[in-house]
N, C-alpha and C. Protein backbone atom coordinates (compact mmCIF):
# COMPACT_ATOMS: atom_id res chain seq x y z
N ASP A 1 -21.83 15.23 -23.21
CA ASP A 1 -21.11 13.95 -23.14
C ASP A 1 -19.68 14.13 -23.64
N PHE A 2 -18.78 13.37 -23.07
CA PHE A 2 -17.41 13.39 -23.55
C PHE A 2 -16.78 12.04 -23.25
N ALA A 3 -15.75 11.70 -23.98
CA ALA A 3 -15.11 10.40 -23.79
C ALA A 3 -14.36 10.40 -22.48
N LEU A 4 -14.84 9.63 -21.52
CA LEU A 4 -14.24 9.60 -20.19
C LEU A 4 -14.08 8.17 -19.76
N ALA A 5 -12.87 7.77 -19.42
CA ALA A 5 -12.66 6.42 -18.92
C ALA A 5 -11.64 6.48 -17.80
N VAL A 6 -12.03 6.26 -16.60
CA VAL A 6 -11.10 6.28 -15.48
C VAL A 6 -10.87 4.84 -15.03
N ARG A 7 -9.72 4.28 -15.52
CA ARG A 7 -9.37 2.92 -15.18
C ARG A 7 -8.67 2.90 -13.80
N LEU A 8 -9.23 2.41 -11.49
CA LEU A 8 -8.73 2.27 -10.21
C LEU A 8 -9.80 1.19 -9.75
N HIS A 9 -12.66 -5.43 9.37
CA HIS A 9 -11.76 -4.56 8.63
C HIS A 9 -10.36 -5.17 8.47
N ASN A 10 -10.08 -5.81 7.02
CA ASN A 10 -8.83 -6.53 6.86
C ASN A 10 -7.86 -5.68 6.07
N ILE A 11 -6.67 -5.54 6.62
CA ILE A 11 -5.66 -4.80 5.91
C ILE A 11 -4.69 -5.82 5.31
N ALA A 12 -4.66 -5.89 3.96
CA ALA A 12 -3.82 -6.89 3.32
C ALA A 12 -3.43 -6.39 1.96
N GLY A 13 -2.56 -7.13 1.27
CA GLY A 13 -2.19 -6.73 -0.07
C GLY A 13 -0.80 -7.22 -0.41
N VAL A 14 -0.38 -6.94 -1.64
CA VAL A 14 0.91 -7.40 -2.12
C VAL A 14 1.65 -6.23 -2.73
N LEU A 15 2.87 -6.00 -2.32
CA LEU A 15 3.73 -4.99 -2.91
C LEU A 15 4.63 -5.71 -3.90
N LEU A 16 4.46 -5.41 -5.20
CA LEU A 16 5.16 -6.16 -6.23
C LEU A 16 6.57 -5.68 -6.46
N ILE A 17 6.81 -4.38 -6.24
CA ILE A 17 8.13 -3.82 -6.49
C ILE A 17 8.64 -3.23 -5.18
N GLY A 18 9.96 -3.20 -4.97
CA GLY A 18 10.57 -2.82 -3.70
C GLY A 18 10.25 -1.42 -3.25
N PRO A 19 10.91 -0.95 -2.19
CA PRO A 19 10.62 0.35 -1.60
C PRO A 19 10.68 1.47 -2.63
N MET A 20 9.77 2.44 -2.47
CA MET A 20 9.70 3.53 -3.44
C MET A 20 10.91 4.44 -3.32
N ILE A 21 11.59 4.67 -4.42
CA ILE A 21 12.67 5.64 -4.48
C ILE A 21 12.35 6.61 -5.60
N GLU A 22 13.09 7.70 -5.65
CA GLU A 22 12.81 8.76 -6.61
C GLU A 22 12.67 8.23 -8.03
N GLY A 23 11.49 8.45 -8.63
CA GLY A 23 11.28 8.13 -10.02
C GLY A 23 10.95 6.69 -10.33
N ARG A 24 11.05 5.79 -9.36
CA ARG A 24 10.79 4.39 -9.64
C ARG A 24 9.30 4.10 -9.52
N ALA A 25 8.77 3.33 -10.48
CA ALA A 25 7.36 2.94 -10.43
C ALA A 25 7.18 1.80 -9.44
N VAL A 26 6.17 1.91 -8.61
CA VAL A 26 5.84 0.88 -7.63
C VAL A 26 4.40 0.43 -7.86
N THR A 27 4.20 -0.87 -7.99
CA THR A 27 2.88 -1.42 -8.26
C THR A 27 2.33 -2.09 -7.00
N TYR A 28 1.09 -1.76 -6.66
CA TYR A 28 0.40 -2.34 -5.52
C TYR A 28 -0.79 -3.13 -6.02
N VAL A 29 -1.03 -4.30 -5.40
CA VAL A 29 -2.12 -5.18 -5.81
C VAL A 29 -2.83 -5.69 -4.57
N THR A 30 -4.17 -5.75 -4.62
CA THR A 30 -4.94 -6.43 -3.59
C THR A 30 -5.74 -7.55 -4.24
N ALA A 31 -5.85 -8.66 -3.55
CA ALA A 31 -6.67 -9.77 -4.02
C ALA A 31 -8.12 -9.53 -3.62
N PRO A 32 -9.08 -10.17 -4.29
CA PRO A 32 -10.47 -10.07 -3.86
C PRO A 32 -10.60 -10.43 -2.38
N GLY A 33 -11.38 -9.65 -1.65
CA GLY A 33 -11.55 -9.89 -0.22
C GLY A 33 -10.51 -9.22 0.64
N GLN A 34 -9.54 -8.55 0.05
CA GLN A 34 -8.49 -7.86 0.80
C GLN A 34 -8.58 -6.36 0.56
N THR A 35 -8.12 -5.58 1.53
CA THR A 35 -7.96 -4.14 1.36
C THR A 35 -6.56 -3.77 1.82
N ARG A 36 -6.11 -2.60 1.41
CA ARG A 36 -4.77 -2.15 1.78
C ARG A 36 -4.76 -0.63 1.87
N GLU A 37 -4.09 -0.11 2.86
CA GLU A 37 -3.91 1.33 2.98
C GLU A 37 -2.42 1.63 2.88
N ILE A 38 -2.07 2.54 1.98
CA ILE A 38 -0.67 2.88 1.78
C ILE A 38 -0.50 4.39 1.94
N THR A 39 0.67 4.80 2.39
CA THR A 39 1.02 6.21 2.50
C THR A 39 2.23 6.47 1.62
N LEU A 40 2.10 7.38 0.66
CA LEU A 40 3.20 7.68 -0.24
C LEU A 40 4.21 8.60 0.44
N ARG A 41 5.36 8.75 -0.17
CA ARG A 41 6.43 9.55 0.41
C ARG A 41 6.04 11.00 0.62
N ASP A 42 5.10 11.51 -0.20
CA ASP A 42 4.67 12.91 -0.07
C ASP A 42 3.56 13.08 0.96
N GLY A 43 3.14 11.99 1.61
CA GLY A 43 2.09 12.04 2.61
C GLY A 43 0.72 11.68 2.09
N THR A 44 0.56 11.55 0.78
CA THR A 44 -0.72 11.13 0.20
C THR A 44 -1.09 9.74 0.70
N LYS A 45 -2.38 9.58 1.05
CA LYS A 45 -2.86 8.28 1.52
C LYS A 45 -3.80 7.67 0.47
N ILE A 46 -3.64 6.39 0.21
CA ILE A 46 -4.48 5.66 -0.73
C ILE A 46 -5.03 4.42 -0.05
N ALA A 47 -6.36 4.28 -0.05
CA ALA A 47 -7.01 3.07 0.46
C ALA A 47 -7.49 2.27 -0.74
N MET A 48 -7.01 1.04 -0.87
CA MET A 48 -7.35 0.19 -2.01
C MET A 48 -8.39 -0.84 -1.61
N ASN A 49 -9.44 -0.95 -2.41
CA ASN A 49 -10.43 -2.00 -2.21
C ASN A 49 -9.89 -3.31 -2.76
N GLY A 50 -10.63 -4.40 -2.55
CA GLY A 50 -10.19 -5.70 -3.03
C GLY A 50 -10.17 -5.78 -4.54
N GLY A 51 -9.37 -6.69 -5.07
CA GLY A 51 -9.29 -6.92 -6.51
C GLY A 51 -8.84 -5.71 -7.29
N SER A 52 -7.87 -4.97 -6.75
CA SER A 52 -7.43 -3.72 -7.37
C SER A 52 -5.94 -3.73 -7.64
N ARG A 53 -5.55 -2.91 -8.62
CA ARG A 53 -4.14 -2.79 -9.00
C ARG A 53 -3.87 -1.35 -9.42
N LEU A 54 -2.79 -0.76 -8.89
CA LEU A 54 -2.38 0.57 -9.32
C LEU A 54 -0.86 0.69 -9.24
N THR A 55 -0.33 1.56 -10.10
CA THR A 55 1.11 1.79 -10.17
C THR A 55 1.38 3.27 -9.90
N VAL A 56 2.31 3.54 -8.98
CA VAL A 56 2.60 4.90 -8.53
C VAL A 56 4.03 5.27 -8.90
N ARG A 57 4.21 6.52 -9.36
CA ARG A 57 5.56 7.04 -9.62
C ARG A 57 5.63 8.47 -9.09
N LEU A 58 6.60 8.74 -8.22
CA LEU A 58 6.83 10.07 -7.68
C LEU A 58 8.18 10.59 -8.14
N THR A 59 8.20 11.81 -8.69
CA THR A 59 9.46 12.47 -9.06
C THR A 59 9.43 13.88 -8.51
N GLY A 60 10.48 14.62 -8.73
CA GLY A 60 10.53 16.01 -8.28
C GLY A 60 9.60 16.91 -9.04
N GLN A 61 9.11 16.45 -10.19
CA GLN A 61 8.24 17.27 -11.03
C GLN A 61 6.79 16.77 -11.07
N SER A 62 6.55 15.51 -10.76
CA SER A 62 5.20 14.97 -10.94
C SER A 62 4.90 13.86 -9.96
N ARG A 63 3.60 13.60 -9.78
CA ARG A 63 3.09 12.48 -9.00
C ARG A 63 2.02 11.80 -9.85
N THR A 64 2.25 10.57 -10.27
CA THR A 64 1.33 9.91 -11.20
C THR A 64 0.91 8.55 -10.69
N VAL A 65 -0.33 8.19 -11.03
CA VAL A 65 -0.87 6.87 -10.71
C VAL A 65 -1.54 6.32 -11.96
N GLU A 66 -1.32 5.05 -12.25
CA GLU A 66 -2.01 4.36 -13.33
C GLU A 66 -2.85 3.25 -12.71
N MET A 67 -4.13 3.18 -13.11
CA MET A 67 -5.05 2.20 -12.54
C MET A 67 -5.60 1.28 -13.61
N GLY A 68 -5.78 0.01 -13.24
CA GLY A 68 -6.54 -0.92 -14.06
C GLY A 68 -7.93 -1.01 -13.47
N GLU A 69 -8.61 -2.16 -13.65
CA GLU A 69 -9.90 -2.34 -12.99
C GLU A 69 -9.64 -2.33 -11.49
N ALA A 70 -10.27 -1.41 -10.77
CA ALA A 70 -9.91 -1.21 -9.38
C ALA A 70 -10.89 -0.27 -8.72
N GLU A 71 -10.78 -0.18 -7.40
CA GLU A 71 -11.44 0.89 -6.64
C GLU A 71 -10.47 1.36 -5.58
N ALA A 72 -10.32 2.67 -5.46
CA ALA A 72 -9.41 3.23 -4.48
C ALA A 72 -9.88 4.61 -4.05
N ALA A 73 -9.63 4.93 -2.78
CA ALA A 73 -9.94 6.25 -2.23
C ALA A 73 -8.61 6.98 -2.00
N PHE A 74 -8.55 8.23 -2.49
CA PHE A 74 -7.32 9.02 -2.41
C PHE A 74 -7.51 10.21 -1.48
N ASP A 75 -6.51 10.47 -0.64
CA ASP A 75 -6.44 11.70 0.16
C ASP A 75 -5.09 12.32 -0.16
N VAL A 76 -5.11 13.29 -1.09
CA VAL A 76 -3.88 13.78 -1.71
C VAL A 76 -3.31 14.98 -0.95
N THR A 77 -2.03 14.92 -0.65
CA THR A 77 -1.33 16.03 -0.01
C THR A 77 -1.18 17.18 -0.98
N HIS A 78 -1.50 18.39 -0.52
CA HIS A 78 -1.42 19.58 -1.38
C HIS A 78 0.04 19.89 -1.73
N ASP A 79 0.30 20.06 -3.01
CA ASP A 79 1.63 20.43 -3.50
C ASP A 79 1.47 21.12 -4.85
N PRO A 80 1.35 22.47 -4.85
CA PRO A 80 1.11 23.20 -6.10
C PRO A 80 2.16 22.96 -7.18
N SER A 81 3.37 22.62 -6.78
CA SER A 81 4.44 22.42 -7.77
C SER A 81 4.37 21.05 -8.42
N ARG A 82 3.59 20.14 -7.85
CA ARG A 82 3.49 18.78 -8.40
C ARG A 82 2.04 18.31 -8.37
N PRO A 83 1.26 18.63 -9.40
CA PRO A 83 -0.12 18.12 -9.46
C PRO A 83 -0.13 16.60 -9.39
N PHE A 84 -1.19 16.06 -8.84
CA PHE A 84 -1.35 14.62 -8.69
C PHE A 84 -2.25 14.14 -9.82
N LEU A 85 -1.76 13.22 -10.64
CA LEU A 85 -2.47 12.77 -11.84
C LEU A 85 -2.76 11.28 -11.77
N VAL A 86 -4.03 10.92 -11.93
CA VAL A 86 -4.43 9.52 -12.02
C VAL A 86 -4.86 9.25 -13.45
N THR A 87 -4.16 8.33 -14.12
CA THR A 87 -4.46 8.00 -15.51
C THR A 87 -5.05 6.61 -15.60
N VAL A 88 -6.20 6.51 -16.29
CA VAL A 88 -6.84 5.22 -16.50
C VAL A 88 -7.47 5.22 -17.87
N GLY A 89 -7.11 4.24 -18.68
CA GLY A 89 -7.68 4.18 -20.01
C GLY A 89 -7.39 5.44 -20.79
N GLU A 90 -8.45 6.13 -21.23
CA GLU A 90 -8.30 7.33 -22.04
C GLU A 90 -8.51 8.61 -21.25
N SER A 91 -8.54 8.52 -19.92
CA SER A 91 -8.86 9.69 -19.11
C SER A 91 -7.81 9.97 -18.06
N GLN A 92 -7.89 11.19 -17.52
CA GLN A 92 -6.95 11.61 -16.50
C GLN A 92 -7.69 12.42 -15.43
N VAL A 93 -7.42 12.10 -14.17
CA VAL A 93 -7.96 12.84 -13.04
C VAL A 93 -6.83 13.68 -12.48
N ARG A 94 -7.05 15.00 -12.38
CA ARG A 94 -6.00 15.92 -11.97
C ARG A 94 -6.41 16.66 -10.69
N VAL A 95 -5.52 16.64 -9.68
CA VAL A 95 -5.80 17.34 -8.43
C VAL A 95 -4.51 17.97 -7.90
N LEU A 96 -4.68 18.92 -6.97
CA LEU A 96 -3.55 19.47 -6.23
C LEU A 96 -3.55 18.91 -4.81
N GLY A 97 -4.68 18.99 -4.15
CA GLY A 97 -4.82 18.43 -2.82
C GLY A 97 -6.30 18.26 -2.54
N THR A 98 -6.76 17.03 -2.42
CA THR A 98 -8.19 16.78 -2.26
C THR A 98 -8.40 15.32 -1.89
N ALA A 99 -9.66 14.94 -1.69
CA ALA A 99 -10.00 13.55 -1.39
C ALA A 99 -11.11 13.11 -2.33
N PHE A 100 -10.95 11.93 -2.91
CA PHE A 100 -11.91 11.44 -3.89
C PHE A 100 -11.82 9.93 -4.00
N ASN A 101 -12.85 9.33 -4.62
CA ASN A 101 -12.91 7.88 -4.80
C ASN A 101 -13.06 7.59 -6.29
N ILE A 102 -12.32 6.59 -6.78
CA ILE A 102 -12.44 6.15 -8.17
C ILE A 102 -12.85 4.69 -8.16
N ARG A 103 -13.90 4.40 -8.91
CA ARG A 103 -14.36 3.02 -9.06
C ARG A 103 -14.41 2.70 -10.55
N ARG A 104 -13.69 1.65 -10.95
CA ARG A 104 -13.64 1.22 -12.35
C ARG A 104 -13.94 -0.26 -12.43
N ASP A 105 -14.94 -0.63 -13.27
CA ASP A 105 -15.19 -2.03 -13.54
C ASP A 105 -15.11 -2.26 -15.05
N ALA A 106 -15.59 -3.39 -15.52
CA ALA A 106 -15.42 -3.74 -16.92
C ALA A 106 -16.24 -2.89 -17.87
N THR A 107 -17.28 -2.19 -17.37
CA THR A 107 -18.16 -1.47 -18.27
C THR A 107 -18.39 -0.01 -17.92
N SER A 108 -17.91 0.44 -16.76
CA SER A 108 -18.19 1.82 -16.36
C SER A 108 -17.14 2.35 -15.40
N THR A 109 -17.17 3.67 -15.23
CA THR A 109 -16.23 4.38 -14.36
C THR A 109 -16.99 5.40 -13.53
N ARG A 110 -16.57 5.58 -12.27
CA ARG A 110 -17.19 6.60 -11.44
C ARG A 110 -16.12 7.30 -10.61
N VAL A 111 -16.15 8.64 -10.62
CA VAL A 111 -15.26 9.46 -9.80
C VAL A 111 -16.13 10.31 -8.89
N SER A 112 -15.90 10.22 -7.57
CA SER A 112 -16.71 10.95 -6.59
C SER A 112 -15.78 11.75 -5.68
N VAL A 113 -16.16 13.00 -5.38
CA VAL A 113 -15.31 13.91 -4.63
C VAL A 113 -15.89 14.13 -3.23
N SER A 114 -15.03 13.97 -2.20
CA SER A 114 -15.45 14.22 -0.83
C SER A 114 -14.78 15.45 -0.23
N ARG A 115 -13.74 15.98 -0.88
CA ARG A 115 -13.11 17.22 -0.43
C ARG A 115 -12.34 17.84 -1.58
N GLY A 116 -12.44 19.17 -1.74
CA GLY A 116 -11.66 19.86 -2.76
C GLY A 116 -12.31 19.82 -4.12
N VAL A 117 -11.48 19.96 -5.16
CA VAL A 117 -11.94 20.01 -6.55
C VAL A 117 -11.10 19.05 -7.38
N VAL A 118 -11.75 18.32 -8.28
CA VAL A 118 -11.08 17.36 -9.16
C VAL A 118 -11.47 17.68 -10.60
N GLN A 119 -10.51 17.60 -11.51
CA GLN A 119 -10.80 17.75 -12.93
C GLN A 119 -10.59 16.41 -13.62
N VAL A 120 -11.60 15.97 -14.37
CA VAL A 120 -11.52 14.73 -15.13
C VAL A 120 -11.58 15.08 -16.60
N SER A 121 -10.55 14.70 -17.35
CA SER A 121 -10.47 15.09 -18.75
C SER A 121 -10.11 13.91 -19.63
N ASP A 122 -10.33 14.08 -20.93
CA ASP A 122 -10.00 13.08 -21.93
C ASP A 122 -8.52 13.22 -22.29
N LEU A 123 -7.79 12.11 -22.28
CA LEU A 123 -6.37 12.17 -22.60
C LEU A 123 -6.11 12.68 -24.01
N GLN A 124 -7.02 12.40 -24.94
CA GLN A 124 -6.84 12.80 -26.32
C GLN A 124 -7.33 14.22 -26.60
N ASP A 125 -8.14 14.76 -25.72
CA ASP A 125 -8.71 16.09 -25.92
C ASP A 125 -8.94 16.73 -24.56
N ALA A 126 -7.93 17.46 -24.07
CA ALA A 126 -7.99 18.04 -22.73
C ALA A 126 -9.14 19.02 -22.56
N ALA A 127 -9.64 19.57 -23.67
CA ALA A 127 -10.76 20.52 -23.59
C ALA A 127 -12.05 19.82 -23.19
N ARG A 128 -12.11 18.54 -23.40
CA ARG A 128 -13.31 17.77 -23.02
C ARG A 128 -13.11 17.33 -21.58
N ALA A 129 -13.56 18.16 -20.65
CA ALA A 129 -13.30 17.93 -19.24
C ALA A 129 -14.48 18.36 -18.38
N VAL A 130 -14.48 17.87 -17.16
CA VAL A 130 -15.49 18.27 -16.19
C VAL A 130 -14.79 18.50 -14.85
N ARG A 131 -15.22 19.54 -14.13
CA ARG A 131 -14.70 19.83 -12.80
C ARG A 131 -15.74 19.41 -11.77
N LEU A 132 -15.29 18.64 -10.79
CA LEU A 132 -16.18 18.14 -9.75
C LEU A 132 -15.81 18.77 -8.42
N THR A 133 -16.83 19.16 -7.64
CA THR A 133 -16.60 19.67 -6.29
C THR A 133 -17.21 18.70 -5.28
N VAL A 134 -17.15 19.05 -4.00
CA VAL A 134 -17.62 18.17 -2.93
C VAL A 134 -19.06 17.72 -3.17
N GLY A 135 -19.28 16.42 -3.07
CA GLY A 135 -20.62 15.88 -3.23
C GLY A 135 -21.04 15.64 -4.66
N GLU A 136 -20.12 15.80 -5.61
CA GLU A 136 -20.43 15.54 -7.01
C GLU A 136 -19.72 14.28 -7.49
N THR A 137 -20.36 13.61 -8.44
CA THR A 137 -19.78 12.41 -9.03
C THR A 137 -20.01 12.43 -10.53
N VAL A 138 -19.08 11.87 -11.29
CA VAL A 138 -19.28 11.70 -12.72
C VAL A 138 -19.21 10.20 -13.01
N SER A 139 -20.20 9.71 -13.75
CA SER A 139 -20.25 8.30 -14.14
C SER A 139 -20.16 8.22 -15.66
N ARG A 140 -19.31 7.34 -16.15
CA ARG A 140 -19.15 7.16 -17.59
C ARG A 140 -19.41 5.71 -17.94
N TYR A 141 -20.24 5.49 -18.97
CA TYR A 141 -20.64 4.15 -19.37
C TYR A 141 -20.02 3.84 -20.73
N ASP A 142 -19.21 2.79 -20.77
CA ASP A 142 -18.45 2.47 -21.97
C ASP A 142 -19.33 2.22 -23.18
N ALA A 143 -20.46 1.55 -22.98
CA ALA A 143 -21.30 1.15 -24.11
C ALA A 143 -21.83 2.35 -24.89
N THR A 144 -22.10 3.45 -24.19
CA THR A 144 -22.67 4.62 -24.85
C THR A 144 -21.69 5.79 -24.93
N ASP A 145 -20.52 5.65 -24.26
CA ASP A 145 -19.54 6.73 -24.20
C ASP A 145 -20.19 7.99 -23.62
N ARG A 146 -21.09 7.79 -22.68
CA ARG A 146 -21.87 8.89 -22.08
C ARG A 146 -21.41 9.13 -20.65
N ALA A 147 -21.21 10.39 -20.31
CA ALA A 147 -20.80 10.77 -18.96
C ALA A 147 -21.90 11.59 -18.30
N VAL A 148 -22.22 11.27 -17.05
CA VAL A 148 -23.30 11.93 -16.33
C VAL A 148 -22.77 12.45 -15.00
N VAL A 149 -22.96 13.74 -14.75
CA VAL A 149 -22.58 14.35 -13.47
C VAL A 149 -23.81 14.43 -12.59
N SER A 150 -23.69 14.02 -11.33
CA SER A 150 -24.82 14.05 -10.41
C SER A 150 -24.33 14.33 -9.00
N ARG A 151 -25.27 14.57 -8.10
CA ARG A 151 -24.97 14.77 -6.70
C ARG A 151 -24.98 13.43 -5.98
N VAL A 152 -24.13 13.30 -4.96
CA VAL A 152 -24.07 12.07 -4.19
C VAL A 152 -23.60 12.41 -2.79
N ASP A 153 -24.04 11.63 -1.81
CA ASP A 153 -23.54 11.79 -0.45
C ASP A 153 -22.04 11.62 -0.47
N ALA A 154 -21.31 12.57 0.09
CA ALA A 154 -19.85 12.55 0.02
C ALA A 154 -19.26 11.29 0.64
N GLN A 155 -19.97 10.67 1.60
CA GLN A 155 -19.45 9.47 2.25
C GLN A 155 -19.92 8.18 1.59
N GLU A 156 -20.94 8.28 0.76
CA GLU A 156 -21.53 7.07 0.18
C GLU A 156 -20.53 6.31 -0.69
N ALA A 157 -19.75 7.04 -1.49
CA ALA A 157 -18.83 6.39 -2.41
C ALA A 157 -17.74 5.61 -1.69
N GLN A 158 -17.42 6.02 -0.45
CA GLN A 158 -16.37 5.34 0.31
C GLN A 158 -16.92 4.48 1.43
N ALA A 159 -18.21 4.13 1.33
CA ALA A 159 -18.83 3.31 2.37
C ALA A 159 -18.16 1.95 2.50
N TRP A 160 -17.55 1.48 1.41
CA TRP A 160 -16.88 0.18 1.45
C TRP A 160 -15.77 0.14 2.50
N ARG A 161 -15.20 1.30 2.81
CA ARG A 161 -14.13 1.35 3.80
C ARG A 161 -14.64 1.07 5.20
N ALA A 162 -15.94 1.31 5.41
CA ALA A 162 -16.56 1.07 6.72
C ALA A 162 -17.27 -0.28 6.78
N GLY A 163 -17.13 -1.08 5.71
CA GLY A 163 -17.70 -2.42 5.73
C GLY A 163 -19.13 -2.53 5.27
N HIS A 164 -19.61 -1.54 4.51
CA HIS A 164 -20.94 -1.68 3.93
C HIS A 164 -21.00 -1.01 2.57
N LEU A 165 -22.02 -1.36 1.78
CA LEU A 165 -22.21 -0.84 0.44
C LEU A 165 -23.59 -0.20 0.36
N ILE A 166 -23.64 1.00 -0.22
CA ILE A 166 -24.89 1.76 -0.31
C ILE A 166 -25.27 1.92 -1.78
N TYR A 167 -26.53 1.61 -2.10
CA TYR A 167 -26.99 1.69 -3.49
C TYR A 167 -28.30 2.46 -3.57
N ASN A 168 -28.42 3.26 -4.60
CA ASN A 168 -29.65 3.98 -4.88
C ASN A 168 -30.00 3.78 -6.35
N ASP A 169 -30.87 2.82 -6.61
CA ASP A 169 -31.32 2.51 -7.97
C ASP A 169 -30.16 2.13 -8.88
N ARG A 170 -29.33 1.17 -8.43
CA ARG A 170 -28.20 0.70 -9.21
C ARG A 170 -28.50 -0.69 -9.77
N PRO A 171 -27.91 -1.05 -10.93
CA PRO A 171 -28.15 -2.38 -11.51
C PRO A 171 -27.51 -3.48 -10.68
N LEU A 172 -28.12 -4.64 -10.70
CA LEU A 172 -27.63 -5.77 -9.93
C LEU A 172 -26.23 -6.19 -10.39
N SER A 173 -25.91 -5.97 -11.66
CA SER A 173 -24.57 -6.29 -12.16
C SER A 173 -23.50 -5.51 -11.41
N GLU A 174 -23.80 -4.25 -11.07
CA GLU A 174 -22.84 -3.42 -10.31
C GLU A 174 -22.67 -3.95 -8.89
N VAL A 175 -23.77 -4.37 -8.29
CA VAL A 175 -23.70 -4.95 -6.94
C VAL A 175 -22.82 -6.20 -6.95
N ALA A 176 -22.99 -7.04 -7.96
CA ALA A 176 -22.20 -8.27 -8.05
C ALA A 176 -20.71 -7.95 -8.18
N THR A 177 -20.37 -6.93 -8.97
CA THR A 177 -18.97 -6.54 -9.12
C THR A 177 -18.39 -6.09 -7.79
N ASP A 178 -19.13 -5.29 -7.05
CA ASP A 178 -18.64 -4.81 -5.75
C ASP A 178 -18.48 -5.95 -4.76
N LEU A 179 -19.40 -6.89 -4.76
CA LEU A 179 -19.29 -8.03 -3.85
C LEU A 179 -18.12 -8.92 -4.23
N SER A 180 -17.81 -8.98 -5.51
CA SER A 180 -16.65 -9.77 -5.96
C SER A 180 -15.34 -9.16 -5.49
N ARG A 181 -15.33 -7.84 -5.25
CA ARG A 181 -14.15 -7.22 -4.64
C ARG A 181 -14.09 -7.48 -3.14
N ALA A 182 -15.27 -7.53 -2.53
CA ALA A 182 -15.34 -7.66 -1.08
C ALA A 182 -15.07 -9.08 -0.59
N PHE A 183 -15.34 -10.08 -1.43
CA PHE A 183 -15.20 -11.47 -1.03
C PHE A 183 -14.20 -12.20 -1.91
N SER A 184 -13.61 -13.26 -1.36
CA SER A 184 -12.61 -14.02 -2.11
C SER A 184 -13.25 -14.88 -3.20
N ILE A 185 -14.54 -15.21 -3.06
CA ILE A 185 -15.24 -16.01 -4.06
C ILE A 185 -16.07 -15.06 -4.93
N PRO A 186 -15.89 -15.09 -6.26
CA PRO A 186 -16.62 -14.16 -7.15
C PRO A 186 -18.13 -14.32 -7.05
N VAL A 187 -18.83 -13.22 -7.23
CA VAL A 187 -20.29 -13.22 -7.25
C VAL A 187 -20.72 -12.88 -8.67
N THR A 188 -21.56 -13.73 -9.26
CA THR A 188 -22.04 -13.49 -10.62
C THR A 188 -23.55 -13.39 -10.61
N VAL A 189 -24.09 -12.78 -11.67
CA VAL A 189 -25.53 -12.63 -11.79
C VAL A 189 -25.95 -13.09 -13.18
N ALA A 190 -27.08 -13.76 -13.27
CA ALA A 190 -27.57 -14.26 -14.56
C ALA A 190 -27.83 -13.09 -15.50
N ASP A 191 -27.62 -13.32 -16.80
CA ASP A 191 -27.78 -12.26 -17.78
C ASP A 191 -29.15 -11.61 -17.72
N ASP A 192 -30.19 -12.41 -17.51
CA ASP A 192 -31.54 -11.86 -17.53
C ASP A 192 -31.89 -11.12 -16.24
N ALA A 193 -30.97 -11.12 -15.26
CA ALA A 193 -31.20 -10.40 -14.00
C ALA A 193 -30.24 -9.24 -13.81
N ALA A 194 -29.27 -9.09 -14.72
CA ALA A 194 -28.22 -8.10 -14.53
C ALA A 194 -28.75 -6.67 -14.44
N ALA A 195 -29.84 -6.39 -15.14
CA ALA A 195 -30.36 -5.02 -15.20
C ALA A 195 -31.36 -4.70 -14.09
N ILE A 196 -31.69 -5.68 -13.24
CA ILE A 196 -32.61 -5.41 -12.13
C ILE A 196 -32.03 -4.31 -11.25
N ARG A 197 -32.86 -3.34 -10.87
CA ARG A 197 -32.41 -2.20 -10.07
C ARG A 197 -32.52 -2.52 -8.59
N PHE A 198 -31.53 -2.03 -7.83
CA PHE A 198 -31.49 -2.31 -6.40
C PHE A 198 -31.23 -1.04 -5.62
N THR A 199 -31.98 -0.84 -4.55
CA THR A 199 -31.76 0.25 -3.60
C THR A 199 -31.70 -0.35 -2.21
N GLY A 200 -30.64 -0.04 -1.48
CA GLY A 200 -30.50 -0.59 -0.14
C GLY A 200 -29.08 -0.51 0.37
N VAL A 201 -28.89 -0.99 1.58
CA VAL A 201 -27.57 -1.02 2.22
C VAL A 201 -27.22 -2.46 2.54
N LEU A 202 -26.04 -2.89 2.11
CA LEU A 202 -25.55 -4.23 2.40
C LEU A 202 -24.41 -4.15 3.42
N GLU A 203 -24.58 -4.80 4.55
CA GLU A 203 -23.52 -4.87 5.55
C GLU A 203 -22.63 -6.06 5.21
N LEU A 204 -21.36 -5.78 4.94
CA LEU A 204 -20.44 -6.84 4.54
C LEU A 204 -20.03 -7.66 5.76
N GLY A 205 -20.05 -8.96 5.59
CA GLY A 205 -19.67 -9.88 6.66
C GLY A 205 -19.54 -11.26 6.06
N ASP A 206 -20.30 -12.20 6.57
CA ASP A 206 -20.32 -13.54 6.01
C ASP A 206 -20.94 -13.49 4.61
N GLU A 207 -20.26 -14.07 3.63
CA GLU A 207 -20.71 -13.95 2.25
C GLU A 207 -22.09 -14.60 2.04
N ASP A 208 -22.30 -15.80 2.56
CA ASP A 208 -23.59 -16.46 2.37
C ASP A 208 -24.72 -15.63 2.96
N ARG A 209 -24.46 -15.02 4.12
CA ARG A 209 -25.50 -14.21 4.76
C ARG A 209 -25.81 -12.97 3.93
N VAL A 210 -24.77 -12.35 3.36
CA VAL A 210 -24.98 -11.17 2.54
C VAL A 210 -25.81 -11.52 1.30
N ILE A 211 -25.48 -12.63 0.64
CA ILE A 211 -26.22 -13.03 -0.55
C ILE A 211 -27.67 -13.35 -0.21
N THR A 212 -27.88 -14.05 0.91
CA THR A 212 -29.25 -14.36 1.33
C THR A 212 -30.04 -13.08 1.61
N ARG A 213 -29.39 -12.12 2.24
CA ARG A 213 -30.06 -10.86 2.55
C ARG A 213 -30.39 -10.10 1.27
N LEU A 214 -29.46 -10.12 0.31
CA LEU A 214 -29.71 -9.45 -0.96
C LEU A 214 -30.88 -10.09 -1.70
N GLU A 215 -30.94 -11.41 -1.69
CA GLU A 215 -32.07 -12.11 -2.32
C GLU A 215 -33.38 -11.70 -1.66
N GLY A 216 -33.37 -11.54 -0.34
CA GLY A 216 -34.57 -11.12 0.36
C GLY A 216 -35.01 -9.72 -0.04
N PHE A 217 -34.04 -8.80 -0.19
CA PHE A 217 -34.35 -7.44 -0.63
C PHE A 217 -35.01 -7.47 -2.01
N LEU A 218 -34.43 -8.28 -2.91
CA LEU A 218 -34.94 -8.30 -4.28
C LEU A 218 -36.32 -8.92 -4.35
């Protein structure tokens, strides 16, 4: 275990700061129910899920991203002279050129790799790190400060981009968080039901229909 905290078909979103120029920080925001795809000046592509916020800064020496509660998929352009760094909370994700997904909610963090190699380390102790390759994911739970590395379908973590959500024995509280990103109206779950485990595939569409289908599964 190590202290790990990684804080990240409608195309929409809000650009809060003007066009990206050398060294200037640019913040991107999506509202719940919206997604946005952006291409950085170096060719890196970022797909943002709903209810997400991230700030990007590109210089001649570095490429950095800061994330709050968010979900985003990254396809990073290879540049050995400028590693790509995603900083969230007390952790940092470091890559040269790869594709990965970061999901951060109020209680947990998940980093999943679909191409290349990613290193996730503690900002306060760089020696406390894990390297992930294709098909691996690391999940960190705030309440226990516990990080778990496991295997996952490389496409499962980014299923939201295709309009569906895939779960394998996940708590209902996590499903509610994901649906709150997908829809403009928040989805909540009663405290005594939050820990119920769910396995299945939810096709995103009409919100009432999705909720009814989820109730049927449960």
